[in-house]
Protein backbone atom coordinates (compact mmCIF):
# COMPACT_ATOMS: atom_id res chain seq x y z
CA MET A 1 29.71 25.89 0.57
CA LEU A 2 26.70 26.50 2.80
CA ARG A 3 27.65 26.85 6.73
CA PRO A 4 26.60 24.09 9.00
CA PHE A 5 23.79 25.95 10.45
CA ARG A 6 22.60 27.68 7.08
CA ARG A 7 22.69 23.97 5.12
CA GLN A 8 20.29 22.47 7.45
CA VAL A 9 18.16 24.90 7.36
CA ASP A 10 17.74 25.12 3.90
CA GLU A 11 17.82 21.23 3.95
CA GLY A 12 14.17 21.88 6.59
CA ILE A 13 12.76 24.34 4.45
CA LEU A 14 13.34 22.29 1.42
CA ASP A 15 12.21 18.87 2.31
CA ARG A 16 8.62 20.78 4.23
CA ALA A 17 8.46 21.93 0.59
CA ALA A 18 9.11 19.03 -1.15
CA GLY A 19 5.95 17.97 1.18
CA LEU A 20 4.00 20.49 0.36
CA PHE A 21 4.40 19.54 -3.51
CA ALA A 22 3.79 16.78 -3.62
CA GLN A 23 0.38 17.02 -1.70
CA ARG A 24 -0.40 19.79 -3.71
CA GLY A 25 1.43 20.51 -6.55
CA PHE A 26 3.89 23.11 -7.81
CA ALA A 27 0.50 25.21 -8.86
CA LYS A 28 -1.20 24.99 -6.39
CA THR A 29 1.61 26.11 -3.60
CA SER A 30 2.66 29.32 -2.88
CA VAL A 31 5.25 30.77 -1.64
CA GLN A 32 3.36 31.73 0.95
CA ASP A 33 2.28 27.88 1.88
CA VAL A 34 5.92 27.17 1.90
CA ALA A 35 7.26 29.88 4.34
CA ALA A 36 3.87 30.13 6.37
CA ALA A 37 4.56 26.26 7.04
CA VAL A 38 8.52 26.61 7.41
CA GLY A 39 7.64 29.94 10.01
CA LEU A 40 9.14 31.95 7.54
CA SER A 41 7.64 35.48 6.67
CA LYS A 42 7.08 35.07 3.05
CA ALA A 43 9.98 37.61 2.66
CA GLY A 44 11.85 35.53 4.80
CA LEU A 45 12.29 32.27 2.86
CA LEU A 46 12.42 34.68 -0.40
CA HIS A 47 15.79 35.71 1.86
CA HIS A 48 17.25 31.97 1.52
CA PHE A 49 14.99 30.71 -2.60
CA ALA A 50 14.90 33.90 -5.32
CA SER A 51 11.66 32.36 -6.11
CA LYS A 52 9.20 29.68 -6.13
CA ASP A 53 10.53 28.44 -8.80
CA ALA A 54 14.16 28.75 -7.07
CA LEU A 55 12.83 26.72 -4.83
CA TYR A 56 11.07 23.89 -7.00
CA GLU A 57 14.33 23.93 -9.01
CA ALA A 58 16.46 23.31 -5.07
CA VAL A 59 14.09 20.88 -4.38
CA LEU A 60 13.95 18.87 -6.89
CA ALA A 61 18.17 19.05 -6.93
CA HIS A 62 17.89 17.69 -3.48
CA ALA A 63 15.39 14.92 -4.37
CA GLN A 64 17.55 13.66 -6.94
CA GLU A 65 20.97 13.90 -4.58
CA VAL A 66 18.94 11.98 -2.07
CA GLY A 67 17.61 8.98 -4.35
CA ARG A 68 21.06 9.06 -5.55
CA ARG A 69 22.53 8.11 -2.20
CA VAL A 70 20.16 5.34 -1.60
CA VAL A 71 21.21 3.75 -5.23
CA ASP A 72 25.05 4.36 -4.09
CA GLN A 73 23.84 2.43 -1.47
CA VAL A 74 22.97 -0.46 -2.97
CA ALA A 75 24.65 -0.62 -6.60
CA HIS A 76 26.80 -3.00 -5.32
CA LEU A 77 24.08 -5.65 -4.72
CA PRO A 78 23.53 -8.03 -7.43
CA LEU A 79 19.51 -7.78 -8.12
CA GLY A 80 17.97 -9.98 -5.60
CA ALA A 81 16.49 -10.55 -2.25
CA GLU A 82 19.20 -8.90 -0.49
CA ARG A 83 19.61 -6.02 -2.74
CA ASP A 84 15.47 -4.95 -1.85
CA ARG A 85 15.85 -5.74 1.77
CA ARG A 86 18.87 -2.61 1.97
CA ALA A 87 16.65 -0.36 -1.39
CA VAL A 88 14.27 -0.57 1.45
CA GLU A 89 16.20 -0.75 5.01
CA VAL A 90 17.16 2.66 3.21
CA LEU A 91 15.22 4.38 1.42
CA VAL A 92 12.26 4.27 5.30
CA ASP A 93 15.73 5.21 6.87
CA VAL A 94 15.16 8.09 4.52
CA ALA A 95 11.87 8.63 4.85
CA LEU A 96 11.65 8.75 8.44
CA ALA A 97 14.46 11.27 8.23
CA HIS A 98 13.29 13.64 5.46
CA PRO A 99 9.42 12.62 4.56
CA GLY A 100 8.88 16.39 2.67
CA ILE A 101 11.58 14.51 0.07
CA VAL A 102 10.49 11.45 -0.14
CA ALA A 103 6.71 12.40 -0.58
CA LEU A 104 8.11 14.34 -3.31
CA MET A 105 10.25 11.34 -5.07
CA LEU A 106 7.98 9.00 -4.23
CA ALA A 107 5.15 10.84 -5.27
CA PRO A 108 4.72 9.34 -8.87
CA ALA A 109 3.93 6.43 -7.37
CA SER A 110 0.90 7.05 -5.45
CA GLN A 111 -0.48 9.68 -7.67
CA SER A 112 -3.22 9.09 -9.58
CA GLY A 113 -5.29 10.93 -12.34
CA GLY A 114 -4.80 14.18 -14.28
CA ASP A 115 -3.23 16.83 -11.05
CA ALA A 116 -0.29 14.06 -11.08
CA GLU A 117 2.88 16.44 -12.33
CA GLU A 118 6.02 14.31 -14.37
CA PRO A 119 7.87 12.28 -11.65
CA PRO A 120 10.89 14.16 -10.69
CA ALA A 121 14.60 12.23 -11.86
CA ALA A 122 14.24 11.32 -7.80
CA HIS A 123 11.85 8.87 -8.23
CA ALA A 124 13.24 6.70 -11.36
CA GLU A 125 15.85 6.30 -8.73
CA ALA A 126 14.05 5.16 -6.51
CA LEU A 127 12.57 2.71 -9.00
CA SER A 128 16.50 1.95 -10.26
CA ALA A 129 16.93 0.90 -6.42
CA PHE A 130 15.64 -2.22 -7.10
CA GLY A 131 16.72 -2.47 -10.60
CA VAL A 132 13.65 -1.27 -12.54
CA THR A 133 12.73 1.46 -14.10
CA PRO A 134 8.48 1.45 -16.00
CA ASP A 135 10.03 0.10 -19.25
CA THR A 136 10.59 -2.93 -17.48
CA GLU A 137 9.31 -6.19 -19.26
CA ASP A 138 8.32 -8.03 -16.05
CA GLN A 139 5.36 -5.82 -15.43
CA GLU A 140 4.60 -7.82 -12.13
CA ARG A 141 8.16 -6.72 -10.67
CA VAL A 142 6.74 -3.40 -11.97
CA VAL A 143 3.92 -3.58 -10.01
CA ARG A 144 5.13 -5.31 -7.38
CA VAL A 145 8.46 -2.14 -6.11
CA ILE A 146 5.72 0.43 -6.71
CA GLY A 147 3.13 -1.13 -3.96
CA ALA A 148 6.24 -1.47 -2.10
CA LEU A 149 7.12 2.50 -2.74
CA ALA A 150 3.50 3.64 -2.27
CA ALA A 151 3.33 1.61 1.77
CA LEU A 152 6.72 2.97 2.16
CA ALA A 153 5.60 6.97 1.14
CA VAL A 154 2.06 6.40 3.08
CA LEU A 155 3.94 4.88 6.42
CA THR A 156 6.55 7.13 7.21
CA LEU A 157 4.15 9.69 6.73
CA ALA A 158 1.91 7.63 9.01
CA ALA A 159 4.32 7.59 11.73
CA HIS A 160 5.51 10.25 11.06
CA GLN A 161 1.73 12.12 12.37
CA GLN A 162 1.28 8.97 14.84
CA ASP A 163 5.05 10.10 16.25
CA GLN A 164 6.21 6.41 16.01
CA ILE A 165 9.08 6.86 14.11
CA THR A 166 11.12 4.13 15.82
CA ALA A 167 8.35 1.61 16.62
CA TRP A 168 7.48 1.65 13.50
CA ARG A 169 10.50 1.49 12.03
CA ARG A 170 10.75 -2.55 11.68
CA HIS A 171 7.53 -3.41 10.51
CA ILE A 172 7.47 -0.27 7.56
CA VAL A 173 10.55 -2.58 6.56
CA ALA A 174 8.50 -6.08 6.53
CA THR A 175 5.23 -4.37 5.19
CA CYS A 176 7.76 -3.39 1.44
CA LEU A 177 9.19 -7.16 1.59
CA ASP A 178 5.71 -8.49 1.39
CA ALA A 179 5.30 -6.37 -1.13
CA LEU A 180 7.75 -7.45 -3.19
CA GLY A 181 7.32 -11.00 -2.33
CA SER A 182 10.17 -11.31 0.16
CA ARG A 183 8.57 -12.20 3.49
CA GLU A 184 11.48 -13.27 5.55
CA PRO A 185 10.09 -17.29 6.92
CA ALA A 186 7.46 -17.02 9.51
CA ALA A 187 9.24 -18.71 12.18
CA SER A 188 12.09 -15.83 12.11
CA ARG A 189 9.05 -13.57 12.75
CA THR A 190 7.44 -15.10 15.84
CA ALA A 191 7.72 -14.52 19.12
CA PRO A 192 9.26 -16.24 21.47
CA ASP A 193 5.73 -16.67 23.34
CA GLN A 194 3.52 -18.15 20.69
CA ASN A 195 3.52 -22.06 19.72
CA GLU A 196 2.64 -22.56 15.87
CA ALA A 197 -0.53 -24.51 15.84
């Protein structure tokens, strides 16, 4: 078992590496790229992970673990608006805490073209939190879920870049719910000082 500090360091490395793999793909991400991103020398990074392949496998395993934790938090709820809301809230919180892992999990939802790699198993976990697979017959539902996940990925990364993690959280949740077709009634979102026309 990893000591708490070592585990925290390794999770930080995995998150930064996941973000690079999501952005550039495995083939175009070097050990030196990851080392530079986490502030280590190449030798220092290789002290934590013996090779690029070992690092990538650890990233995928961690992403799958994160995906399972999300599904575990919503699996007891029946499919529908309540489960959608809870899944979005959990995914947003995970994305704000682990932007690289979530970028990797959700990259297949936002990639196109021939450079897209095989989606990690954690991507399937994210879809299953909403009760869908790419083969689900209700294509509108599949499109809405993929749209919500893509919005979640883009907006949580932007929240990090703009240093607006706390301020944007509720707006990100609302945007994802809008994409799912689970918009809250307008009256509950209206500011107290606004009157309806």
